[in-house]
């Protein structure tokens, strides 16, 4: 459910600059688009951190074995690494698309 919500938000955020440019209200501004893209990624990262922090808070007062706690911490670390890699790949794809559309080729 969370991934679906993040996907919908990402789609909306990425489509806003395109819709505005097509409507003739303002020309496409790559710097503004990159800024909104980075803001979206930042929001995704903060959302994951907040969710994990809440999860850790829910452990307080419960009886958990050390092994179970370590396993859950390991899982959360895996999720952070996975999201970080996803965000890096998205940023690289964004930069590659930008290079191709601008014709720089560098």
Protein backbone atom coordinates (compact mmCIF):
# COMPACT_ATOMS: atom_id res chain seq x y z
CA UNK A 1 0.00 0.00 0.00
CA UNK A 2 2.84 2.37 0.92
CA UNK A 3 4.65 1.65 -2.35
CA UNK A 4 1.47 2.35 -4.29
CA UNK A 5 1.02 5.66 -2.50
CA UNK A 6 4.63 6.66 -3.16
CA UNK A 7 4.24 5.64 -6.81
CA UNK A 8 1.10 7.73 -7.22
CA UNK A 9 2.75 10.74 -5.60
CA UNK A 10 5.83 10.31 -7.79
CA UNK A 11 3.67 10.12 -10.90
CA UNK A 12 1.78 13.24 -9.96
CA UNK A 13 4.92 15.18 -9.09
CA UNK A 14 6.62 14.23 -12.34
CA UNK A 15 3.56 14.99 -14.45
CA UNK A 16 2.96 18.47 -13.03
CA UNK A 17 5.82 20.17 -14.94
CA UNK A 18 4.82 18.37 -18.15
CA UNK A 19 1.17 19.41 -17.83
CA UNK A 20 2.13 23.03 -17.18
CA UNK A 21 4.47 23.12 -20.17
CA UNK A 22 1.84 21.63 -22.46
CA UNK A 23 -0.82 24.02 -21.24
CA UNK A 24 1.32 26.91 -22.41
CA UNK A 25 1.37 28.50 -18.97
CA UNK A 26 5.13 28.28 -18.60
CA UNK A 27 7.94 26.74 -20.64
CA UNK A 28 9.61 23.59 -19.38
CA UNK A 29 12.25 24.49 -16.83
CA UNK A 30 14.70 21.62 -16.30
CA UNK A 31 16.11 23.14 -13.12
CA UNK A 32 12.65 23.43 -11.56
CA UNK A 33 11.82 19.90 -12.66
CA UNK A 34 15.05 18.59 -11.14
CA UNK A 35 14.32 20.49 -7.93
CA UNK A 36 10.85 18.95 -7.65
CA UNK A 37 12.29 15.52 -8.47
CA UNK A 38 14.87 15.87 -5.69
CA UNK A 39 12.18 17.09 -3.30
CA UNK A 40 10.12 14.01 -4.12
CA UNK A 41 13.08 11.73 -3.47
CA UNK A 42 13.78 13.53 -0.22
CA UNK A 43 10.15 13.03 0.80
CA UNK A 44 10.39 9.32 0.01
CA UNK A 45 13.54 8.99 2.14
CA UNK A 46 12.04 10.93 5.04
CA UNK A 47 8.88 8.83 4.83
CA UNK A 48 10.88 5.61 5.15
CA UNK A 49 12.90 6.97 8.07
CA UNK A 50 9.74 8.16 9.84
CA UNK A 51 8.03 4.82 9.26
CA UNK A 52 11.01 2.93 10.65
CA UNK A 53 11.28 5.25 13.62
CA UNK A 54 7.61 4.63 14.40
CA UNK A 55 8.16 0.91 14.08
CA UNK A 56 11.04 1.05 16.56
CA UNK A 57 8.90 3.08 18.97
CA UNK A 58 6.26 0.36 18.82
CA UNK A 59 8.82 -2.14 20.10
CA UNK A 60 9.16 -0.31 23.40
CA UNK A 61 7.42 -2.07 26.22
CA UNK A 62 7.15 -5.33 24.29
CA UNK A 63 9.03 -8.47 25.07
CA UNK A 64 11.24 -9.34 22.12
CA UNK A 65 14.24 -11.58 21.95
CA UNK A 66 17.54 -10.03 21.00
CA UNK A 67 17.62 -12.18 17.87
CA UNK A 68 14.17 -10.96 16.76
CA UNK A 69 15.16 -7.33 17.37
CA UNK A 70 18.39 -7.81 15.40
CA UNK A 71 16.49 -9.46 12.56
CA UNK A 72 14.02 -6.56 12.37
CA UNK A 73 16.87 -4.01 12.49
CA UNK A 74 18.59 -5.92 9.71
CA UNK A 75 15.38 -5.87 7.64
CA UNK A 76 15.03 -2.11 8.14
CA UNK A 77 18.66 -1.60 7.13
CA UNK A 78 17.98 -3.66 4.01
CA UNK A 79 14.97 -1.46 3.17
CA UNK A 80 17.09 1.69 3.58
CA UNK A 81 19.82 0.30 1.30
CA UNK A 82 17.22 -0.76 -1.25
CA UNK A 83 15.56 2.66 -1.30
CA UNK A 84 18.92 4.45 -1.48
CA UNK A 85 19.89 2.35 -4.52
CA UNK A 86 16.49 2.95 -6.13
CA UNK A 87 16.84 6.70 -5.64
CA UNK A 88 20.36 6.66 -7.10
CA UNK A 89 19.17 4.71 -10.13
CA UNK A 90 16.24 7.09 -10.66
CA UNK A 91 18.56 10.09 -10.46
CA UNK A 92 21.00 8.54 -12.91
CA UNK A 93 18.16 7.71 -15.32
CA UNK A 94 16.93 11.31 -14.98
CA UNK A 95 20.40 12.67 -15.80
CA UNK A 96 20.78 10.28 -18.74
CA UNK A 97 17.40 11.34 -20.16
CA UNK A 98 18.33 14.98 -19.71
CA UNK A 99 21.62 14.48 -21.57
CA UNK A 100 19.87 12.69 -24.41
CA UNK A 101 17.14 15.33 -24.80
CA UNK A 102 19.63 18.20 -24.67
CA UNK A 103 21.87 16.48 -27.22
CA UNK A 104 24.99 16.95 -25.13
CA UNK A 105 25.92 13.29 -25.13
CA UNK A 106 28.46 13.82 -22.33
